[in-house]
């Protein structure tokens, strides 16, 4: 028996490689277009973030400064990435500020958080009360007639010498 050679050509591989390169090029162009559009709108987005909720912006920069103090290499890296990716950061801050504003409007009580040094209110539970804090009705009242049959079958199988059923 002779081994047949496949009829693949170099042209098919080159076409696939060109298609792959074209898709990479399109992806790069799309990302660069989005980045350029965001760079034009970065200052208005940053101003919107300040208008919606200035605490989001201040907390972001405080986080960068805190990271620089705790881990200088990582903090400087984050600062450089913030500078390079400024359009993305401003869009993220605007989105986060907008979401924070909407959340505060829909849930005004949930926006209140305890400040540092304040304790959250709680209720002390005595041990006597904690034993019966959940009053449930007896399950025997709601058992169906089939459950005792299943239990009797399990007992019969355990009587046959099945050690596994004895665990239950």
N, C-alpha and C. Protein backbone atom coordinates (compact mmCIF):
# COMPACT_ATOMS: atom_id res chain seq x y z
N UNK A 1 0.83 -1.18 0.00
CA UNK A 1 0.00 0.00 0.00
C UNK A 1 0.87 1.24 0.00
N UNK A 2 0.52 2.15 -0.80
CA UNK A 2 1.27 3.38 -0.91
C UNK A 2 0.58 4.48 -0.11
N UNK A 3 1.36 5.32 0.51
CA UNK A 3 0.81 6.44 1.28
C UNK A 3 0.56 7.58 0.31
N UNK A 4 -0.67 8.09 0.35
CA UNK A 4 -1.04 9.19 -0.53
C UNK A 4 -0.65 10.52 0.11
N UNK A 5 -0.11 11.38 -0.67
CA UNK A 5 0.20 12.72 -0.20
C UNK A 5 -1.07 13.56 -0.24
N UNK A 6 -1.20 14.42 0.77
CA UNK A 6 -2.38 15.28 0.77
C UNK A 6 -2.17 16.40 -0.25
N UNK A 7 -3.25 16.86 -0.76
CA UNK A 7 -3.20 17.89 -1.81
C UNK A 7 -3.26 19.30 -1.20
N UNK A 8 -2.53 19.55 -0.14
CA UNK A 8 -2.50 20.89 0.42
C UNK A 8 -1.40 21.68 -0.26
N UNK A 9 -1.68 22.92 -0.40
CA UNK A 9 -0.68 23.76 -1.06
C UNK A 9 -0.24 24.86 -0.11
N UNK A 10 0.79 25.50 -0.47
CA UNK A 10 1.33 26.59 0.32
C UNK A 10 0.39 27.79 0.26
N UNK A 11 -0.35 27.88 -0.81
CA UNK A 11 -1.25 29.02 -0.99
C UNK A 11 -2.36 29.00 0.06
N UNK A 12 -2.88 27.81 0.40
CA UNK A 12 -3.93 27.72 1.42
C UNK A 12 -3.44 28.19 2.78
N UNK A 13 -2.22 27.82 3.14
CA UNK A 13 -1.65 28.27 4.40
C UNK A 13 -1.38 29.76 4.40
N UNK A 14 -0.95 30.28 3.26
CA UNK A 14 -0.68 31.71 3.17
C UNK A 14 -1.97 32.52 3.27
N UNK A 15 -3.05 32.00 2.68
CA UNK A 15 -4.34 32.69 2.77
C UNK A 15 -4.82 32.72 4.21
N UNK A 16 -4.68 31.61 4.92
CA UNK A 16 -5.08 31.56 6.32
C UNK A 16 -4.25 32.52 7.16
N UNK A 17 -2.97 32.60 6.89
CA UNK A 17 -2.09 33.51 7.62
C UNK A 17 -2.44 34.96 7.32
N UNK A 18 -2.75 35.27 6.05
CA UNK A 18 -3.16 36.63 5.69
C UNK A 18 -4.49 37.00 6.35
N UNK A 19 -5.42 36.05 6.40
CA UNK A 19 -6.70 36.29 7.05
C UNK A 19 -6.50 36.57 8.54
N UNK A 20 -5.64 35.80 9.19
CA UNK A 20 -5.34 36.01 10.60
C UNK A 20 -4.71 37.38 10.83
N UNK A 21 -3.77 37.77 9.98
CA UNK A 21 -3.13 39.08 10.10
C UNK A 21 -4.14 40.20 9.88
N UNK A 22 -5.06 40.02 8.93
CA UNK A 22 -6.09 41.02 8.67
C UNK A 22 -7.02 41.17 9.87
N UNK A 23 -7.37 40.07 10.52
CA UNK A 23 -8.25 40.13 11.71
C UNK A 23 -7.53 40.84 12.86
N UNK A 24 -6.25 40.60 13.02
CA UNK A 24 -5.48 41.29 14.05
C UNK A 24 -5.43 42.79 13.75
N UNK A 25 -5.25 43.14 12.48
CA UNK A 25 -5.22 44.53 12.06
C UNK A 25 -6.57 45.21 12.35
N UNK A 26 -7.67 44.54 12.03
CA UNK A 26 -8.99 45.11 12.31
C UNK A 26 -9.22 45.30 13.80
N UNK A 27 -8.78 44.34 14.59
CA UNK A 27 -8.93 44.45 16.03
C UNK A 27 -8.11 45.64 16.55
N UNK A 28 -6.89 45.80 16.07
CA UNK A 28 -6.05 46.92 16.48
C UNK A 28 -6.68 48.25 16.09
N UNK A 29 -7.21 48.35 14.88
CA UNK A 29 -7.84 49.58 14.42
C UNK A 29 -9.08 49.92 15.24
N UNK A 30 -9.86 48.90 15.59
CA UNK A 30 -11.06 49.13 16.39
C UNK A 30 -10.69 49.64 17.78
N UNK A 31 -9.71 49.02 18.39
CA UNK A 31 -9.29 49.45 19.73
C UNK A 31 -8.69 50.85 19.68
N UNK A 32 -7.91 51.14 18.68
CA UNK A 32 -7.32 52.48 18.59
C UNK A 32 -8.39 53.54 18.31
N UNK A 33 -9.42 53.19 17.56
CA UNK A 33 -10.51 54.14 17.31
C UNK A 33 -11.28 54.42 18.61
N UNK A 34 -11.57 53.37 19.37
CA UNK A 34 -12.28 53.56 20.64
C UNK A 34 -11.41 54.39 21.59
N UNK A 35 -10.13 54.11 21.63
CA UNK A 35 -9.22 54.87 22.51
C UNK A 35 -9.15 56.33 22.10
N UNK A 36 -9.13 56.61 20.79
CA UNK A 36 -9.06 58.01 20.35
C UNK A 36 -10.36 58.75 20.65
N UNK A 37 -11.50 58.07 20.50
CA UNK A 37 -12.78 58.71 20.83
C UNK A 37 -12.84 58.99 22.33
N UNK A 38 -12.41 58.02 23.13
CA UNK A 38 -12.40 58.24 24.58
C UNK A 38 -11.41 59.33 24.98
N UNK A 39 -10.32 59.46 24.25
CA UNK A 39 -9.36 60.51 24.58
C UNK A 39 -9.95 61.89 24.31
N UNK A 40 -10.80 62.03 23.30
CA UNK A 40 -11.46 63.31 23.05
C UNK A 40 -12.48 63.63 24.13
N UNK A 41 -13.12 62.59 24.67
CA UNK A 41 -14.15 62.80 25.68
C UNK A 41 -13.64 62.60 27.11
N UNK A 42 -12.34 62.44 27.29
CA UNK A 42 -11.84 62.13 28.63
C UNK A 42 -12.03 63.27 29.62
N UNK A 43 -11.80 64.50 29.20
CA UNK A 43 -11.97 65.64 30.11
C UNK A 43 -13.44 65.86 30.46
N UNK A 44 -14.37 65.83 29.48
CA UNK A 44 -15.78 65.94 29.88
C UNK A 44 -16.24 64.77 30.76
N UNK A 45 -15.73 63.57 30.50
CA UNK A 45 -16.11 62.44 31.34
C UNK A 45 -15.58 62.61 32.76
N UNK A 46 -14.37 63.14 32.88
CA UNK A 46 -13.81 63.38 34.21
C UNK A 46 -14.62 64.44 34.94
N UNK A 47 -15.03 65.49 34.24
CA UNK A 47 -15.85 66.53 34.86
C UNK A 47 -17.22 65.98 35.27
N UNK A 48 -17.78 65.11 34.44
CA UNK A 48 -19.04 64.47 34.81
C UNK A 48 -18.89 63.59 36.04
N UNK A 49 -17.76 62.92 36.14
CA UNK A 49 -17.51 62.11 37.33
C UNK A 49 -17.44 62.99 38.57
N UNK A 50 -16.80 64.15 38.45
CA UNK A 50 -16.74 65.07 39.58
C UNK A 50 -18.12 65.61 39.94
N UNK A 51 -18.95 65.87 38.93
CA UNK A 51 -20.29 66.40 39.19
C UNK A 51 -21.19 65.32 39.80
N UNK A 52 -21.15 64.12 39.26
CA UNK A 52 -22.01 63.05 39.77
C UNK A 52 -21.66 62.67 41.20
N UNK A 53 -20.40 62.37 41.45
CA UNK A 53 -19.99 61.98 42.79
C UNK A 53 -18.48 62.19 42.90
N UNK A 54 -18.10 63.31 43.51
CA UNK A 54 -16.67 63.64 43.58
C UNK A 54 -15.91 62.67 44.49
N UNK A 55 -16.62 61.99 45.38
CA UNK A 55 -15.94 61.06 46.30
C UNK A 55 -15.35 59.86 45.55
N UNK A 56 -15.93 59.50 44.42
CA UNK A 56 -15.38 58.40 43.62
C UNK A 56 -14.00 58.78 43.09
N UNK A 57 -13.88 60.01 42.60
CA UNK A 57 -12.61 60.47 42.05
C UNK A 57 -11.56 60.61 43.16
N UNK A 58 -11.97 61.21 44.27
CA UNK A 58 -11.01 61.38 45.37
C UNK A 58 -10.59 60.04 45.96
N UNK A 59 -11.52 59.11 46.04
CA UNK A 59 -11.15 57.79 46.59
C UNK A 59 -10.21 57.05 45.64
N UNK A 60 -10.36 57.24 44.34
CA UNK A 60 -9.45 56.60 43.38
C UNK A 60 -8.03 57.14 43.55
N UNK A 61 -7.90 58.46 43.62
CA UNK A 61 -6.57 59.03 43.78
C UNK A 61 -5.99 58.75 45.16
N UNK A 62 -6.84 58.68 46.18
CA UNK A 62 -6.35 58.28 47.51
C UNK A 62 -5.88 56.83 47.49
N UNK A 63 -6.55 55.99 46.72
CA UNK A 63 -6.12 54.59 46.59
C UNK A 63 -4.75 54.51 45.92
N UNK A 64 -4.54 55.33 44.88
CA UNK A 64 -3.24 55.37 44.20
C UNK A 64 -2.17 55.83 45.18
N UNK A 65 -2.45 56.89 45.94
CA UNK A 65 -1.46 57.40 46.90
C UNK A 65 -1.20 56.40 48.02
N UNK A 66 -2.25 55.72 48.48
CA UNK A 66 -2.06 54.71 49.51
C UNK A 66 -1.23 53.54 49.01
N UNK A 67 -1.42 53.17 47.75
CA UNK A 67 -0.63 52.09 47.17
C UNK A 67 0.83 52.52 47.02
N UNK A 68 1.06 53.78 46.68
CA UNK A 68 2.43 54.28 46.58
C UNK A 68 3.11 54.23 47.95
N UNK A 69 2.36 54.55 49.01
CA UNK A 69 2.95 54.54 50.36
C UNK A 69 3.22 53.11 50.84
N UNK A 70 2.30 52.20 50.57
CA UNK A 70 2.45 50.82 51.06
C UNK A 70 3.42 50.02 50.22
N UNK A 71 3.22 50.05 48.91
CA UNK A 71 4.07 49.30 47.98
C UNK A 71 4.50 50.25 46.86
N UNK A 72 5.64 50.90 47.02
CA UNK A 72 6.03 51.95 46.07
C UNK A 72 6.12 51.50 44.61
N UNK A 73 6.66 50.33 44.34
CA UNK A 73 6.80 49.90 42.95
C UNK A 73 5.43 49.71 42.30
N UNK A 74 4.54 49.04 43.02
CA UNK A 74 3.21 48.81 42.48
C UNK A 74 2.43 50.13 42.36
N UNK A 75 2.58 51.02 43.32
CA UNK A 75 1.89 52.31 43.27
C UNK A 75 2.35 53.17 42.12
N UNK A 76 3.67 53.20 41.89
CA UNK A 76 4.18 53.97 40.75
C UNK A 76 3.72 53.36 39.44
N UNK A 77 3.67 52.03 39.38
CA UNK A 77 3.16 51.37 38.17
C UNK A 77 1.70 51.73 37.94
N UNK A 78 0.89 51.71 38.99
CA UNK A 78 -0.52 52.09 38.84
C UNK A 78 -0.66 53.55 38.42
N UNK A 79 0.19 54.41 38.96
CA UNK A 79 0.16 55.82 38.56
C UNK A 79 0.51 56.00 37.10
N UNK A 80 1.54 55.29 36.64
CA UNK A 80 1.93 55.38 35.21
C UNK A 80 0.84 54.81 34.31
N UNK A 81 0.24 53.71 34.73
CA UNK A 81 -0.85 53.14 33.93
C UNK A 81 -2.06 54.07 33.91
N UNK A 82 -2.30 54.78 35.01
CA UNK A 82 -3.38 55.77 35.03
C UNK A 82 -3.10 56.89 34.04
N UNK A 83 -1.83 57.32 33.99
CA UNK A 83 -1.46 58.39 33.06
C UNK A 83 -1.58 57.93 31.61
N UNK A 84 -1.10 56.73 31.31
CA UNK A 84 -1.14 56.21 29.93
C UNK A 84 -2.58 55.90 29.53
N UNK A 85 -3.32 55.28 30.43
CA UNK A 85 -4.69 54.89 30.10
C UNK A 85 -5.71 55.88 30.59
N UNK A 86 -5.35 57.16 30.60
CA UNK A 86 -6.23 58.19 31.12
C UNK A 86 -7.63 58.17 30.49
N UNK A 87 -7.80 58.00 29.19
CA UNK A 87 -9.16 57.95 28.65
C UNK A 87 -9.99 56.81 29.24
N UNK A 88 -9.39 55.66 29.43
CA UNK A 88 -10.12 54.55 30.03
C UNK A 88 -10.43 54.81 31.49
N UNK A 89 -9.49 55.40 32.20
CA UNK A 89 -9.70 55.69 33.63
C UNK A 89 -10.80 56.73 33.80
N UNK A 90 -10.81 57.75 32.97
CA UNK A 90 -11.85 58.78 33.09
C UNK A 90 -13.23 58.20 32.75
N UNK A 91 -13.29 57.31 31.76
CA UNK A 91 -14.57 56.67 31.44
C UNK A 91 -15.02 55.79 32.60
N UNK A 92 -14.07 55.06 33.20
CA UNK A 92 -14.43 54.19 34.34
C UNK A 92 -14.89 55.03 35.53
N UNK A 93 -14.21 56.13 35.82
CA UNK A 93 -14.61 56.97 36.94
C UNK A 93 -15.98 57.59 36.70
N UNK A 94 -16.25 58.00 35.46
CA UNK A 94 -17.56 58.57 35.14
C UNK A 94 -18.66 57.53 35.31
N UNK A 95 -18.40 56.31 34.84
CA UNK A 95 -19.39 55.25 34.99
C UNK A 95 -19.61 54.92 36.46
N UNK A 96 -18.54 54.83 37.21
CA UNK A 96 -18.66 54.49 38.63
C UNK A 96 -19.38 55.59 39.40
N UNK A 97 -19.09 56.83 39.09
CA UNK A 97 -19.76 57.95 39.75
C UNK A 97 -21.25 57.98 39.40
N UNK A 98 -21.56 57.72 38.13
CA UNK A 98 -22.96 57.68 37.71
C UNK A 98 -23.71 56.55 38.41
N UNK A 99 -23.09 55.38 38.47
CA UNK A 99 -23.73 54.24 39.14
C UNK A 99 -23.89 54.52 40.63
N UNK A 100 -22.91 55.15 41.23
CA UNK A 100 -22.99 55.48 42.65
C UNK A 100 -24.12 56.48 42.91
N UNK A 101 -24.25 57.45 42.03
CA UNK A 101 -25.32 58.45 42.18
C UNK A 101 -26.69 57.79 42.05
N UNK A 102 -26.83 56.90 41.06
CA UNK A 102 -28.11 56.21 40.87
C UNK A 102 -28.43 55.32 42.07
N UNK A 103 -27.41 54.66 42.60
CA UNK A 103 -27.62 53.79 43.75
C UNK A 103 -28.04 54.60 44.97
N UNK A 104 -27.43 55.76 45.15
CA UNK A 104 -27.80 56.61 46.28
C UNK A 104 -29.21 57.15 46.15
N UNK A 105 -29.64 57.41 44.91
CA UNK A 105 -31.00 57.91 44.71
C UNK A 105 -32.04 56.82 44.96
N UNK A 106 -31.75 55.59 44.53
CA UNK A 106 -32.74 54.52 44.70
C UNK A 106 -32.72 53.96 46.11
N UNK A 107 -31.58 53.95 46.78
CA UNK A 107 -31.46 53.41 48.13
C UNK A 107 -30.82 54.45 49.04
N UNK A 108 -31.60 55.44 49.49
CA UNK A 108 -30.96 56.50 50.29
C UNK A 108 -30.45 55.99 51.65
N UNK A 109 -31.09 55.00 52.24
CA UNK A 109 -30.65 54.50 53.53
C UNK A 109 -29.42 53.63 53.44
N UNK A 110 -29.24 52.96 52.30
CA UNK A 110 -28.10 52.05 52.13
C UNK A 110 -26.80 52.80 51.90
N UNK A 111 -26.89 54.06 51.51
CA UNK A 111 -25.68 54.82 51.22
C UNK A 111 -24.95 55.22 52.50
N UNK A 112 -25.66 55.18 53.65
CA UNK A 112 -25.02 55.55 54.89
C UNK A 112 -24.14 54.40 55.37
N UNK A 113 -22.91 54.70 55.59
CA UNK A 113 -21.99 53.69 56.10
C UNK A 113 -21.44 54.19 57.42
N UNK A 114 -20.98 53.26 58.21
CA UNK A 114 -20.42 53.66 59.49
C UNK A 114 -19.05 54.28 59.26
N UNK A 115 -18.81 55.36 59.95
CA UNK A 115 -17.52 56.03 59.84
C UNK A 115 -16.52 55.30 60.72
N UNK A 116 -15.28 55.57 60.48
CA UNK A 116 -14.23 54.91 61.25
C UNK A 116 -14.33 55.36 62.71
N UNK A 117 -14.34 54.41 63.60
CA UNK A 117 -14.45 54.71 65.02
C UNK A 117 -15.85 54.56 65.55
N UNK A 118 -16.84 54.44 64.66
CA UNK A 118 -18.22 54.25 65.10
C UNK A 118 -18.56 52.78 65.05
N UNK A 119 -19.41 52.37 65.95
CA UNK A 119 -19.84 50.99 65.98
C UNK A 119 -21.18 50.84 65.28
N UNK A 120 -21.37 49.71 64.67
CA UNK A 120 -22.64 49.42 64.03
C UNK A 120 -23.60 48.91 65.09
N UNK A 121 -24.85 49.36 65.04
CA UNK A 121 -25.83 48.93 66.04
C UNK A 121 -26.15 47.46 65.85
N UNK A 122 -26.26 46.78 66.97
CA UNK A 122 -26.61 45.37 66.92
C UNK A 122 -27.42 45.03 68.16
N UNK A 123 -28.02 43.87 68.13
CA UNK A 123 -28.84 43.42 69.24
C UNK A 123 -28.15 42.24 69.90
N UNK A 124 -27.99 42.31 71.22
CA UNK A 124 -27.39 41.20 71.94
C UNK A 124 -28.43 40.11 72.12
N UNK A 125 -28.01 38.88 71.95
CA UNK A 125 -28.90 37.75 72.10
C UNK A 125 -28.39 36.91 73.26
N UNK A 126 -29.27 36.68 74.24
CA UNK A 126 -28.90 35.83 75.37
C UNK A 126 -28.85 34.38 74.94
N UNK A 127 -28.09 33.57 75.68
CA UNK A 127 -27.99 32.16 75.32
C UNK A 127 -29.33 31.45 75.47
N UNK A 128 -30.12 31.83 76.48
CA UNK A 128 -31.42 31.18 76.67
C UNK A 128 -32.35 31.47 75.49
N UNK A 129 -32.27 32.71 75.00
CA UNK A 129 -33.12 33.09 73.87
C UNK A 129 -32.61 32.48 72.57
N UNK A 130 -31.31 32.28 72.47
CA UNK A 130 -30.76 31.80 71.21
C UNK A 130 -31.07 30.34 70.95
N UNK A 131 -31.40 29.57 72.01
CA UNK A 131 -31.73 28.16 71.80
C UNK A 131 -33.03 28.00 71.03
N UNK A 132 -34.01 28.82 71.33
CA UNK A 132 -35.31 28.71 70.66
C UNK A 132 -35.65 29.97 69.88
N UNK A 133 -34.69 30.51 69.19
CA UNK A 133 -34.97 31.73 68.45
C UNK A 133 -35.79 31.47 67.20
N UNK A 134 -35.83 30.21 66.76
CA UNK A 134 -36.58 29.87 65.56
C UNK A 134 -37.63 28.84 65.95
N UNK A 135 -38.87 29.27 66.01
CA UNK A 135 -39.95 28.36 66.39
C UNK A 135 -40.51 27.70 65.15
N UNK A 136 -40.31 26.40 65.06
CA UNK A 136 -40.80 25.63 63.93
C UNK A 136 -41.82 24.62 64.42
N UNK A 137 -42.76 24.32 63.55
CA UNK A 137 -43.75 23.32 63.89
C UNK A 137 -43.13 21.93 63.78
N UNK A 138 -43.75 20.96 64.42
CA UNK A 138 -43.24 19.60 64.38
C UNK A 138 -43.36 19.03 62.98
N UNK A 139 -42.34 18.31 62.57
CA UNK A 139 -42.35 17.69 61.26
C UNK A 139 -43.23 16.45 61.23
N UNK A 140 -43.46 15.85 62.39
CA UNK A 140 -44.27 14.63 62.43
C UNK A 140 -45.69 14.90 61.93
N UNK A 141 -46.16 16.09 62.09
CA UNK A 141 -47.51 16.43 61.65
C UNK A 141 -47.62 16.42 60.13
N UNK A 142 -46.51 16.71 59.43
CA UNK A 142 -46.55 16.84 57.98
C UNK A 142 -45.95 15.65 57.24
N UNK A 143 -45.54 14.62 57.94
CA UNK A 143 -44.96 13.47 57.25
C UNK A 143 -46.02 12.74 56.45
N UNK A 144 -45.62 12.33 55.27
CA UNK A 144 -46.56 11.58 54.44
C UNK A 144 -46.51 10.11 54.81
N UNK A 145 -47.42 9.34 54.25
CA UNK A 145 -47.49 7.93 54.57
C UNK A 145 -46.38 7.13 53.90
N UNK A 146 -45.75 7.66 52.88
CA UNK A 146 -44.70 6.93 52.17
C UNK A 146 -43.39 6.90 52.94
N UNK A 147 -43.12 7.91 53.72
CA UNK A 147 -41.84 7.97 54.41
C UNK A 147 -41.61 6.79 55.36
N UNK A 148 -42.60 6.35 56.13
CA UNK A 148 -42.35 5.18 56.98
C UNK A 148 -42.05 3.93 56.16
N UNK A 149 -42.64 3.80 54.96
CA UNK A 149 -42.36 2.64 54.12
C UNK A 149 -40.90 2.63 53.68
N UNK A 150 -40.39 3.80 53.33
CA UNK A 150 -39.00 3.89 52.90
C UNK A 150 -38.08 3.54 54.07
N UNK A 151 -38.43 4.00 55.24
CA UNK A 151 -37.61 3.70 56.41
C UNK A 151 -37.62 2.22 56.73
N UNK A 152 -38.76 1.58 56.55
CA UNK A 152 -38.81 0.15 56.84
C UNK A 152 -37.99 -0.63 55.83
N UNK A 153 -37.98 -0.17 54.57
CA UNK A 153 -37.15 -0.83 53.57
C UNK A 153 -35.67 -0.65 53.90
N UNK A 154 -35.30 0.51 54.39
CA UNK A 154 -33.91 0.75 54.75
C UNK A 154 -33.51 -0.12 55.93
N UNK A 155 -34.43 -0.32 56.87
CA UNK A 155 -34.12 -1.17 58.02
C UNK A 155 -33.95 -2.62 57.59
N UNK A 156 -34.77 -3.05 56.63
CA UNK A 156 -34.65 -4.43 56.16
C UNK A 156 -33.31 -4.64 55.47
N UNK A 157 -32.86 -3.65 54.68
CA UNK A 157 -31.58 -3.79 54.00
C UNK A 157 -30.43 -3.74 55.01
N UNK A 158 -30.59 -2.98 56.09
CA UNK A 158 -29.51 -2.93 57.08
C UNK A 158 -29.48 -4.21 57.90
N UNK A 159 -30.61 -4.89 58.02
CA UNK A 159 -30.64 -6.14 58.76
C UNK A 159 -29.95 -7.24 57.98
N UNK A 160 -29.83 -7.08 56.68
CA UNK A 160 -29.18 -8.09 55.86
C UNK A 160 -27.66 -8.06 56.04
N UNK A 161 -27.14 -7.09 56.70
CA UNK A 161 -25.71 -7.06 56.94
C UNK A 161 -24.98 -5.99 56.14
N UNK A 162 -25.69 -4.98 55.69
CA UNK A 162 -25.06 -3.90 54.93
C UNK A 162 -24.57 -2.85 55.93
N UNK A 163 -23.27 -2.78 56.12
CA UNK A 163 -22.70 -1.86 57.09
C UNK A 163 -22.87 -0.40 56.67
N UNK A 164 -22.95 -0.13 55.38
CA UNK A 164 -23.10 1.23 54.90
C UNK A 164 -24.41 1.83 55.36
N UNK A 165 -25.49 1.07 55.34
CA UNK A 165 -26.79 1.58 55.76
C UNK A 165 -26.83 1.83 57.26
N UNK A 166 -25.97 1.18 58.03
CA UNK A 166 -25.96 1.39 59.46
C UNK A 166 -25.46 2.78 59.82
N UNK A 167 -24.75 3.43 58.92
CA UNK A 167 -24.28 4.77 59.18
C UNK A 167 -25.41 5.78 59.24
N UNK A 168 -26.52 5.46 58.61
CA UNK A 168 -27.66 6.39 58.60
C UNK A 168 -28.64 5.95 59.63
